[in-house]
Structure formats: structure tokens, C-alpha cells
């Protein structure tokens, strides 16, 4: 069962969907942006929340 507060993080350079995380939608109204390691790019890149 998919939780309602689950979000997918996508690499901005290669567009691969690498991470799944949770966020509190009541507190965080905007989309999540984190610097994470992309195994496809083999470096730290900006990952943004997707739908």
C-alpha cells in the first residue's frame, strides 16, 4: 500500500529516479530539493521531488 506522504526524488542531470522518502505535507508546502549521490552519474547531484 502506497503511503500518501511518500515522494520520489529524481536526479536533475540524468533524470533517473533514485530515492524514495517521506515528507510532512502539513509543514513542507513546496517541493523537496536535496543534494544526493546518483549512482548513474557517479557524483553528488541535485535531486528534486517528482509526482
N, C-alpha and C. Protein backbone atom coordinates (compact mmCIF):
# COMPACT_ATOMS: atom_id res chain seq x y z
N UNK A 1 0.84 -1.18 0.00
CA UNK A 1 0.00 0.00 0.00
C UNK A 1 0.88 1.24 0.00
N UNK A 2 0.62 2.14 -0.91
CA UNK A 2 1.41 3.36 -1.03
C UNK A 2 0.93 4.39 -0.02
N UNK A 3 1.88 4.93 0.71
CA UNK A 3 1.55 5.95 1.70
C UNK A 3 1.33 7.29 1.01
N UNK A 4 0.54 8.14 1.59
CA UNK A 4 0.20 9.42 0.99
C UNK A 4 1.34 10.43 1.10
N UNK A 5 2.24 10.26 2.05
CA UNK A 5 3.31 11.24 2.21
C UNK A 5 4.63 10.74 1.62
N UNK A 6 4.60 9.73 0.77
CA UNK A 6 5.79 9.20 0.13
C UNK A 6 6.09 9.99 -1.14
N UNK A 7 7.36 10.38 -1.32
CA UNK A 7 7.75 11.15 -2.50
C UNK A 7 8.95 10.47 -3.17
N UNK A 8 9.08 10.67 -4.47
CA UNK A 8 10.19 10.11 -5.24
C UNK A 8 11.13 11.24 -5.61
N UNK A 9 12.44 11.02 -5.43
CA UNK A 9 13.45 12.02 -5.78
C UNK A 9 14.12 11.63 -7.09
N UNK A 10 14.20 12.58 -8.02
CA UNK A 10 14.75 12.34 -9.34
C UNK A 10 15.99 13.21 -9.55
N UNK A 11 17.02 12.62 -10.12
CA UNK A 11 18.25 13.35 -10.44
C UNK A 11 17.96 14.38 -11.53
N UNK A 12 18.48 15.60 -11.37
CA UNK A 12 18.23 16.65 -12.35
C UNK A 12 19.12 16.52 -13.58
N UNK A 13 20.21 15.77 -13.50
CA UNK A 13 21.11 15.64 -14.64
C UNK A 13 20.74 14.47 -15.54
N UNK A 14 20.56 13.28 -14.97
CA UNK A 14 20.28 12.10 -15.80
C UNK A 14 18.82 11.67 -15.75
N UNK A 15 18.01 12.30 -14.89
CA UNK A 15 16.57 12.06 -14.75
C UNK A 15 16.22 10.64 -14.28
N UNK A 16 17.14 9.99 -13.57
CA UNK A 16 16.83 8.67 -13.02
C UNK A 16 16.19 8.84 -11.64
N UNK A 17 15.22 8.01 -11.36
CA UNK A 17 14.51 8.06 -10.08
C UNK A 17 15.25 7.17 -9.09
N UNK A 18 16.02 7.81 -8.19
CA UNK A 18 16.94 7.07 -7.33
C UNK A 18 16.42 6.82 -5.92
N UNK A 19 15.71 7.74 -5.35
CA UNK A 19 15.37 7.67 -3.93
C UNK A 19 13.88 7.80 -3.70
N UNK A 20 13.41 7.13 -2.63
CA UNK A 20 12.04 7.27 -2.15
C UNK A 20 12.14 7.69 -0.69
N UNK A 21 11.43 8.76 -0.32
CA UNK A 21 11.47 9.27 1.04
C UNK A 21 10.09 9.75 1.44
N UNK A 22 9.97 10.24 2.65
CA UNK A 22 8.70 10.73 3.17
C UNK A 22 8.86 12.19 3.56
N UNK A 23 7.77 12.95 3.49
CA UNK A 23 7.82 14.32 3.98
C UNK A 23 6.48 14.67 4.62
N UNK A 24 6.54 15.60 5.54
CA UNK A 24 5.36 16.08 6.23
C UNK A 24 4.72 17.15 5.36
N UNK A 25 3.59 16.84 4.72
CA UNK A 25 2.96 17.77 3.79
C UNK A 25 2.33 18.98 4.49
N UNK A 26 2.03 18.86 5.78
CA UNK A 26 1.45 19.99 6.51
C UNK A 26 2.49 21.08 6.74
N UNK A 27 3.73 20.68 6.96
CA UNK A 27 4.80 21.63 7.24
C UNK A 27 5.48 22.10 5.96
N UNK A 28 5.83 21.16 5.07
CA UNK A 28 6.55 21.47 3.84
C UNK A 28 5.57 21.61 2.69
N UNK A 29 5.30 22.83 2.28
CA UNK A 29 4.35 23.05 1.21
C UNK A 29 4.97 22.98 -0.18
N UNK A 30 6.28 23.24 -0.28
CA UNK A 30 6.94 23.26 -1.58
C UNK A 30 7.61 21.92 -1.86
N UNK A 31 8.08 21.77 -3.08
CA UNK A 31 8.74 20.53 -3.47
C UNK A 31 10.11 20.41 -2.82
N UNK A 32 10.46 19.19 -2.50
CA UNK A 32 11.71 18.88 -1.82
C UNK A 32 12.87 18.90 -2.81
N UNK A 33 14.02 19.50 -2.42
CA UNK A 33 15.23 19.51 -3.22
C UNK A 33 16.40 19.18 -2.31
N UNK A 34 17.13 18.11 -2.64
CA UNK A 34 18.24 17.66 -1.82
C UNK A 34 19.45 17.31 -2.69
N UNK A 35 20.63 17.51 -2.14
CA UNK A 35 21.84 17.03 -2.80
C UNK A 35 22.06 15.59 -2.37
N UNK A 36 21.97 14.66 -3.33
CA UNK A 36 22.12 13.24 -3.04
C UNK A 36 23.10 12.64 -4.04
N UNK A 37 23.62 11.45 -3.72
CA UNK A 37 24.53 10.76 -4.62
C UNK A 37 23.74 10.00 -5.68
N UNK A 38 24.07 10.21 -6.93
CA UNK A 38 23.43 9.50 -8.04
C UNK A 38 24.39 8.41 -8.50
N UNK A 39 23.97 7.16 -8.44
CA UNK A 39 24.84 6.05 -8.84
C UNK A 39 25.02 5.99 -10.35
N UNK A 40 24.08 6.55 -11.08
CA UNK A 40 24.19 6.56 -12.54
C UNK A 40 25.19 7.62 -13.01
N UNK A 41 25.15 8.81 -12.40
CA UNK A 41 26.10 9.89 -12.71
C UNK A 41 27.43 9.69 -11.99
N UNK A 42 27.40 8.93 -10.92
CA UNK A 42 28.57 8.65 -10.07
C UNK A 42 29.12 9.92 -9.41
N UNK A 43 28.19 10.82 -8.98
CA UNK A 43 28.58 12.04 -8.26
C UNK A 43 27.37 12.57 -7.52
N UNK A 44 27.59 13.55 -6.65
CA UNK A 44 26.51 14.19 -5.93
C UNK A 44 25.84 15.22 -6.85
N UNK A 45 24.51 15.10 -6.98
CA UNK A 45 23.75 16.00 -7.83
C UNK A 45 22.50 16.44 -7.09
N UNK A 46 21.85 17.45 -7.61
CA UNK A 46 20.59 17.92 -7.05
C UNK A 46 19.47 16.96 -7.43
N UNK A 47 18.72 16.52 -6.44
CA UNK A 47 17.57 15.65 -6.66
C UNK A 47 16.32 16.40 -6.26
N UNK A 48 15.32 16.39 -7.15
CA UNK A 48 14.05 17.09 -6.89
C UNK A 48 12.91 16.11 -6.76
N UNK A 49 11.92 16.53 -6.00
CA UNK A 49 10.72 15.71 -5.80
C UNK A 49 9.89 15.67 -7.07
N UNK A 50 9.40 14.48 -7.42
CA UNK A 50 8.51 14.33 -8.56
C UNK A 50 7.14 13.86 -8.08
N UNK A 51 6.17 13.87 -8.97
CA UNK A 51 4.83 13.43 -8.61
C UNK A 51 4.75 11.94 -8.48
